[in-house]
Amino acid sequence: QVQLVESGGGLVQAGGSLRLSCAASGRTFRSYSMGWFRQAPGKEREFVAAISWTGGNTYYTNSVKGRFTISRDNAKNTVFLQMNSLKPEDTAVYYCAADENYYRVSRNLGDYDYWGQGTQVTVSS
């Protein structure tokens, strides 16, 4: 089992940047592929980005391509989400998640086994 704790959220103006971190503890971090999801008020949780256990493969939802970058540091048991050129529509609670099937990189919520508690990102116009 793995425990996930997100940090780095906050209030930022449109066009600004934030870097989210997700620290993992428990089982070997490199055994998981990792994902970031977000949930805006009144909306379903949606996929944002995912990264393979090696960090060699990454995937993004179309709305964040070119603005967000997912990365990981297996030595520090941490996955990151660098968010640039933020827009008001990026406002949401952001969650990191771990998939025990490390050989895949999934966009599907149901494929992830462990979730953090979330961190709020608010982008003002």
N, C-alpha and C. Protein backbone atom coordinates (compact mmCIF):
# COMPACT_ATOMS: atom_id res chain seq x y z
N GLN A 1 0.84 -1.19 0.00
CA GLN A 1 0.00 0.00 0.00
C GLN A 1 0.88 1.24 0.00
N VAL A 2 0.35 2.35 -0.53
CA VAL A 2 1.10 3.59 -0.59
C VAL A 2 0.20 4.72 -0.11
N GLN A 3 0.79 5.67 0.58
CA GLN A 3 0.08 6.87 1.03
C GLN A 3 0.58 8.05 0.21
N LEU A 4 -0.35 8.90 -0.20
CA LEU A 4 -0.03 10.02 -1.07
C LEU A 4 -0.47 11.32 -0.42
N VAL A 5 0.42 12.31 -0.45
CA VAL A 5 0.11 13.62 0.12
C VAL A 5 0.48 14.70 -0.88
N GLU A 6 -0.52 15.45 -1.35
CA GLU A 6 -0.28 16.54 -2.30
C GLU A 6 0.02 17.83 -1.56
N SER A 7 0.77 18.71 -2.24
CA SER A 7 1.03 20.04 -1.73
C SER A 7 1.32 20.96 -2.91
N GLY A 8 1.34 22.27 -2.62
CA GLY A 8 1.70 23.23 -3.65
C GLY A 8 0.56 24.00 -4.26
N GLY A 9 -0.66 23.66 -3.88
CA GLY A 9 -1.80 24.40 -4.41
C GLY A 9 -1.87 25.80 -3.82
N GLY A 10 -2.77 26.61 -4.38
CA GLY A 10 -2.92 27.97 -3.88
C GLY A 10 -3.71 28.82 -4.84
N LEU A 11 -3.66 30.13 -4.59
CA LEU A 11 -4.36 31.12 -5.41
C LEU A 11 -3.34 31.81 -6.30
N VAL A 12 -3.63 31.88 -7.59
CA VAL A 12 -2.72 32.50 -8.54
C VAL A 12 -3.54 33.24 -9.59
N GLN A 13 -2.98 34.29 -10.14
CA GLN A 13 -3.65 35.02 -11.21
C GLN A 13 -3.51 34.28 -12.54
N ALA A 14 -4.44 34.53 -13.42
CA ALA A 14 -4.37 33.93 -14.76
C ALA A 14 -3.03 34.28 -15.40
N GLY A 15 -2.44 33.30 -16.05
CA GLY A 15 -1.13 33.46 -16.65
C GLY A 15 0.02 33.07 -15.74
N GLY A 16 -0.29 32.84 -14.48
CA GLY A 16 0.74 32.48 -13.53
C GLY A 16 1.05 30.99 -13.52
N SER A 17 1.91 30.59 -12.57
CA SER A 17 2.39 29.21 -12.50
C SER A 17 2.28 28.69 -11.07
N LEU A 18 2.12 27.39 -10.98
CA LEU A 18 2.19 26.66 -9.73
C LEU A 18 2.86 25.32 -9.98
N ARG A 19 3.51 24.80 -8.96
CA ARG A 19 4.10 23.47 -9.03
C ARG A 19 3.53 22.62 -7.91
N LEU A 20 2.79 21.60 -8.31
CA LEU A 20 2.23 20.68 -7.33
C LEU A 20 3.21 19.54 -7.09
N SER A 21 3.24 19.07 -5.85
CA SER A 21 4.05 17.91 -5.49
C SER A 21 3.15 16.86 -4.86
N CYS A 22 3.53 15.62 -5.03
CA CYS A 22 2.82 14.50 -4.40
C CYS A 22 3.88 13.58 -3.82
N ALA A 23 3.95 13.54 -2.50
CA ALA A 23 4.92 12.72 -1.80
C ALA A 23 4.29 11.37 -1.46
N ALA A 24 5.01 10.31 -1.75
CA ALA A 24 4.51 8.97 -1.52
C ALA A 24 5.30 8.28 -0.42
N SER A 25 4.61 7.50 0.37
CA SER A 25 5.27 6.68 1.39
C SER A 25 4.62 5.30 1.38
N GLY A 26 5.33 4.35 1.91
CA GLY A 26 4.81 2.99 1.93
C GLY A 26 5.62 2.12 0.99
N ARG A 27 4.92 1.39 0.13
CA ARG A 27 5.60 0.50 -0.80
C ARG A 27 6.48 1.28 -1.76
N THR A 28 7.36 0.58 -2.42
CA THR A 28 8.33 1.18 -3.33
C THR A 28 7.64 2.05 -4.37
N PHE A 29 7.97 3.31 -4.37
CA PHE A 29 7.32 4.29 -5.23
C PHE A 29 7.48 3.94 -6.70
N ARG A 30 8.63 3.43 -7.06
CA ARG A 30 8.87 3.17 -8.48
C ARG A 30 8.04 2.01 -8.99
N SER A 31 7.31 1.34 -8.10
CA SER A 31 6.46 0.24 -8.53
C SER A 31 5.13 0.71 -9.11
N TYR A 32 4.91 2.03 -9.11
CA TYR A 32 3.63 2.56 -9.54
C TYR A 32 3.79 3.50 -10.73
N SER A 33 2.85 3.45 -11.65
CA SER A 33 2.68 4.59 -12.53
C SER A 33 1.78 5.58 -11.79
N MET A 34 1.91 6.86 -12.14
CA MET A 34 1.27 7.92 -11.38
C MET A 34 0.43 8.81 -12.28
N GLY A 35 -0.60 9.37 -11.69
CA GLY A 35 -1.45 10.28 -12.44
C GLY A 35 -1.88 11.47 -11.62
N TRP A 36 -2.24 12.54 -12.31
CA TRP A 36 -2.86 13.70 -11.71
C TRP A 36 -4.27 13.83 -12.29
N PHE A 37 -5.21 14.10 -11.42
CA PHE A 37 -6.60 14.33 -11.80
C PHE A 37 -7.07 15.62 -11.14
N ARG A 38 -8.19 16.13 -11.60
CA ARG A 38 -8.73 17.33 -10.96
C ARG A 38 -10.25 17.28 -10.97
N GLN A 39 -10.84 17.99 -10.00
CA GLN A 39 -12.28 18.04 -9.90
C GLN A 39 -12.71 19.46 -9.56
N ALA A 40 -13.44 20.06 -10.49
CA ALA A 40 -13.98 21.39 -10.29
C ALA A 40 -15.35 21.28 -9.62
N PRO A 41 -15.80 22.34 -8.97
CA PRO A 41 -17.10 22.29 -8.30
C PRO A 41 -18.22 21.92 -9.26
N GLY A 42 -19.02 20.94 -8.86
CA GLY A 42 -20.15 20.52 -9.67
C GLY A 42 -19.82 19.66 -10.86
N LYS A 43 -18.54 19.29 -10.99
CA LYS A 43 -18.11 18.48 -12.14
C LYS A 43 -17.50 17.18 -11.67
N GLU A 44 -17.40 16.24 -12.60
CA GLU A 44 -16.78 14.97 -12.29
C GLU A 44 -15.26 15.12 -12.26
N ARG A 45 -14.62 14.21 -11.55
CA ARG A 45 -13.16 14.20 -11.53
C ARG A 45 -12.66 13.80 -12.92
N GLU A 46 -11.65 14.50 -13.40
CA GLU A 46 -11.15 14.26 -14.75
C GLU A 46 -9.63 14.08 -14.77
N PHE A 47 -9.19 13.37 -15.79
CA PHE A 47 -7.77 13.11 -15.99
C PHE A 47 -7.05 14.39 -16.40
N VAL A 48 -5.84 14.57 -15.88
CA VAL A 48 -4.99 15.69 -16.27
C VAL A 48 -3.71 15.19 -16.94
N ALA A 49 -2.97 14.32 -16.25
CA ALA A 49 -1.69 13.86 -16.77
C ALA A 49 -1.31 12.57 -16.08
N ALA A 50 -0.45 11.79 -16.75
CA ALA A 50 0.02 10.54 -16.18
C ALA A 50 1.45 10.31 -16.62
N ILE A 51 2.17 9.49 -15.83
CA ILE A 51 3.57 9.23 -16.12
C ILE A 51 3.89 7.78 -15.78
N SER A 52 4.71 7.16 -16.60
CA SER A 52 5.10 5.78 -16.37
C SER A 52 6.05 5.67 -15.19
N TRP A 53 6.29 4.44 -14.74
CA TRP A 53 7.13 4.26 -13.55
C TRP A 53 8.57 4.71 -13.79
N THR A 54 9.02 4.66 -15.04
CA THR A 54 10.37 5.11 -15.35
C THR A 54 10.43 6.62 -15.58
N GLY A 55 9.26 7.21 -15.84
CA GLY A 55 9.23 8.62 -16.24
C GLY A 55 9.39 8.82 -17.72
N GLY A 56 9.57 7.73 -18.45
CA GLY A 56 9.84 7.84 -19.87
C GLY A 56 8.63 8.12 -20.74
N ASN A 57 7.46 7.80 -20.23
CA ASN A 57 6.22 8.03 -20.98
C ASN A 57 5.30 8.94 -20.19
N THR A 58 4.78 9.94 -20.87
CA THR A 58 3.84 10.87 -20.24
C THR A 58 2.64 11.09 -21.15
N TYR A 59 1.51 11.38 -20.56
CA TYR A 59 0.28 11.65 -21.32
C TYR A 59 -0.45 12.81 -20.64
N TYR A 60 -1.12 13.58 -21.48
CA TYR A 60 -1.83 14.76 -21.00
C TYR A 60 -3.21 14.85 -21.64
N THR A 61 -4.14 15.41 -20.90
CA THR A 61 -5.40 15.75 -21.53
C THR A 61 -5.15 16.95 -22.45
N ASN A 62 -5.94 17.06 -23.50
CA ASN A 62 -5.67 18.07 -24.53
C ASN A 62 -5.65 19.49 -23.98
N SER A 63 -6.48 19.77 -23.00
CA SER A 63 -6.61 21.14 -22.52
C SER A 63 -5.38 21.66 -21.78
N VAL A 64 -4.47 20.77 -21.39
CA VAL A 64 -3.28 21.21 -20.65
C VAL A 64 -2.00 20.98 -21.43
N LYS A 65 -2.08 20.36 -22.57
CA LYS A 65 -0.87 20.11 -23.37
C LYS A 65 -0.16 21.42 -23.69
N GLY A 66 1.16 21.41 -23.50
CA GLY A 66 1.95 22.61 -23.76
C GLY A 66 2.00 23.58 -22.59
N ARG A 67 1.15 23.36 -21.58
CA ARG A 67 1.14 24.23 -20.40
C ARG A 67 1.57 23.49 -19.13
N PHE A 68 1.19 22.24 -19.00
CA PHE A 68 1.50 21.44 -17.81
C PHE A 68 2.57 20.41 -18.14
N THR A 69 3.39 20.09 -17.15
CA THR A 69 4.40 19.05 -17.29
C THR A 69 4.40 18.16 -16.06
N ILE A 70 4.24 16.87 -16.29
CA ILE A 70 4.32 15.90 -15.20
C ILE A 70 5.72 15.31 -15.18
N SER A 71 6.25 15.10 -13.99
CA SER A 71 7.57 14.50 -13.84
C SER A 71 7.62 13.75 -12.52
N ARG A 72 8.65 12.96 -12.32
CA ARG A 72 8.80 12.24 -11.08
C ARG A 72 10.25 12.09 -10.71
N ASP A 73 10.48 11.97 -9.42
CA ASP A 73 11.81 11.72 -8.88
C ASP A 73 11.69 10.48 -8.00
N ASN A 74 12.06 9.34 -8.53
CA ASN A 74 11.89 8.09 -7.78
C ASN A 74 12.78 8.03 -6.55
N ALA A 75 13.91 8.72 -6.60
CA ALA A 75 14.79 8.73 -5.43
C ALA A 75 14.16 9.48 -4.26
N LYS A 76 13.28 10.43 -4.58
CA LYS A 76 12.62 11.22 -3.55
C LYS A 76 11.15 10.83 -3.36
N ASN A 77 10.72 9.77 -4.05
CA ASN A 77 9.34 9.29 -3.92
C ASN A 77 8.32 10.39 -4.15
N THR A 78 8.55 11.17 -5.18
CA THR A 78 7.70 12.33 -5.42
C THR A 78 7.36 12.46 -6.90
N VAL A 79 6.12 12.85 -7.17
CA VAL A 79 5.70 13.18 -8.52
C VAL A 79 5.27 14.65 -8.52
N PHE A 80 5.54 15.32 -9.62
CA PHE A 80 5.30 16.76 -9.72
C PHE A 80 4.35 17.07 -10.87
N LEU A 81 3.69 18.19 -10.74
CA LEU A 81 2.91 18.74 -11.86
C LEU A 81 3.23 20.22 -11.95
N GLN A 82 4.03 20.58 -12.94
CA GLN A 82 4.34 21.98 -13.20
C GLN A 82 3.24 22.56 -14.06
N MET A 83 2.61 23.61 -13.58
CA MET A 83 1.48 24.20 -14.30
C MET A 83 1.82 25.64 -14.64
N ASN A 84 1.90 25.92 -15.93
CA ASN A 84 2.20 27.26 -16.43
C ASN A 84 1.02 27.81 -17.22
N SER A 85 1.04 29.10 -17.43
CA SER A 85 -0.02 29.77 -18.20
C SER A 85 -1.40 29.36 -17.70
N LEU A 86 -1.57 29.42 -16.41
CA LEU A 86 -2.82 28.95 -15.81
C LEU A 86 -4.01 29.81 -16.23
N LYS A 87 -5.15 29.15 -16.35
CA LYS A 87 -6.39 29.79 -16.76
C LYS A 87 -7.44 29.61 -15.67
N PRO A 88 -8.42 30.46 -15.63
CA PRO A 88 -9.49 30.29 -14.62
C PRO A 88 -10.15 28.92 -14.69
N GLU A 89 -10.24 28.35 -15.87
CA GLU A 89 -10.86 27.02 -16.01
C GLU A 89 -10.01 25.89 -15.45
N ASP A 90 -8.77 26.20 -15.04
CA ASP A 90 -7.94 25.20 -14.37
C ASP A 90 -8.27 25.11 -12.88
N THR A 91 -9.13 25.99 -12.39
CA THR A 91 -9.50 25.98 -10.99
C THR A 91 -10.17 24.66 -10.62
N ALA A 92 -9.63 23.99 -9.61
CA ALA A 92 -10.14 22.68 -9.21
C ALA A 92 -9.35 22.20 -8.00
N VAL A 93 -9.82 21.12 -7.42
CA VAL A 93 -9.01 20.35 -6.47
C VAL A 93 -8.22 19.34 -7.29
N TYR A 94 -6.91 19.33 -7.09
CA TYR A 94 -6.03 18.44 -7.84
C TYR A 94 -5.63 17.26 -6.96
N TYR A 95 -5.74 16.06 -7.54
CA TYR A 95 -5.44 14.82 -6.83
C TYR A 95 -4.34 14.06 -7.55
N CYS A 96 -3.42 13.48 -6.79
CA CYS A 96 -2.51 12.53 -7.40
C CYS A 96 -3.00 11.12 -7.07
N ALA A 97 -2.61 10.19 -7.90
CA ALA A 97 -3.07 8.82 -7.76
C ALA A 97 -1.99 7.86 -8.23
N ALA A 98 -2.02 6.65 -7.67
CA ALA A 98 -1.03 5.63 -7.98
C ALA A 98 -1.72 4.39 -8.53
N ASP A 99 -1.14 3.84 -9.58
CA ASP A 99 -1.65 2.64 -10.23
C ASP A 99 -0.65 1.51 -9.99
N GLU A 100 -1.12 0.44 -9.37
CA GLU A 100 -0.23 -0.69 -9.08
C GLU A 100 0.24 -1.40 -10.35
N ASN A 101 -0.50 -1.27 -11.43
CA ASN A 101 -0.10 -1.88 -12.70
C ASN A 101 0.89 -0.95 -13.38
N TYR A 102 2.12 -1.03 -12.97
CA TYR A 102 3.13 -0.05 -13.36
C TYR A 102 3.46 -0.09 -14.85
N TYR A 103 3.07 -1.17 -15.53
CA TYR A 103 3.41 -1.33 -16.93
C TYR A 103 2.47 -0.55 -17.85
N ARG A 104 1.44 0.05 -17.31
CA ARG A 104 0.53 0.84 -18.12
C ARG A 104 0.52 2.28 -17.63
N VAL A 105 0.08 3.17 -18.48
CA VAL A 105 -0.10 4.57 -18.12
C VAL A 105 -1.53 4.92 -18.51
N SER A 106 -2.38 5.08 -17.54
CA SER A 106 -3.81 5.13 -17.79
C SER A 106 -4.40 6.52 -17.58
N ARG A 107 -5.43 6.81 -18.36
CA ARG A 107 -6.23 8.02 -18.20
C ARG A 107 -7.50 7.76 -17.39
N ASN A 108 -7.72 6.52 -17.02
CA ASN A 108 -9.00 6.13 -16.40
C ASN A 108 -8.92 6.14 -14.87
N LEU A 109 -9.87 6.86 -14.25
CA LEU A 109 -9.90 6.93 -12.79
C LEU A 109 -9.93 5.54 -12.16
N GLY A 110 -10.71 4.65 -12.74
CA GLY A 110 -10.91 3.34 -12.16
C GLY A 110 -9.66 2.47 -12.14
N ASP A 111 -8.65 2.85 -12.90
CA ASP A 111 -7.42 2.06 -12.95
C ASP A 111 -6.47 2.40 -11.80
N TYR A 112 -6.76 3.45 -11.07
CA TYR A 112 -5.86 3.89 -10.01
C TYR A 112 -6.31 3.34 -8.66
N ASP A 113 -5.32 2.89 -7.89
CA ASP A 113 -5.61 2.17 -6.66
C ASP A 113 -5.53 3.03 -5.41
N TYR A 114 -4.72 4.07 -5.45
CA TYR A 114 -4.52 4.90 -4.27
C TYR A 114 -4.61 6.37 -4.66
N TRP A 115 -5.18 7.16 -3.75
CA TRP A 115 -5.43 8.57 -4.00
C TRP A 115 -4.97 9.42 -2.83
N GLY A 116 -4.51 10.62 -3.15
CA GLY A 116 -4.24 11.59 -2.12
C GLY A 116 -5.50 12.33 -1.72
N GLN A 117 -5.34 13.27 -0.80
CA GLN A 117 -6.49 14.00 -0.27
C GLN A 117 -6.85 15.22 -1.11
N GLY A 118 -5.96 15.60 -2.00
CA GLY A 118 -6.22 16.72 -2.90
C GLY A 118 -5.64 18.03 -2.41
N THR A 119 -5.36 18.93 -3.35
CA THR A 119 -4.90 20.26 -3.03
C THR A 119 -5.64 21.25 -3.94
N GLN A 120 -6.10 22.35 -3.37
CA GLN A 120 -6.91 23.31 -4.10
C GLN A 120 -6.05 24.23 -4.94
N VAL A 121 -6.42 24.38 -6.19
CA VAL A 121 -5.81 25.35 -7.09
C VAL A 121 -6.90 26.31 -7.55
N THR A 122 -6.68 27.60 -7.33
CA THR A 122 -7.66 28.61 -7.72
C THR A 122 -6.95 29.63 -8.61
N VAL A 123 -7.48 29.83 -9.80
CA VAL A 123 -6.90 30.77 -10.75
C VAL A 123 -7.89 31.91 -10.94
N SER A 124 -7.47 33.11 -10.59
CA SER A 124 -8.34 34.27 -10.71
C SER A 124 -8.12 34.96 -12.06
N SER A 125 -9.19 35.55 -12.56
CA SER A 125 -9.11 36.21 -13.87
C SER A 125 -8.71 37.67 -13.74
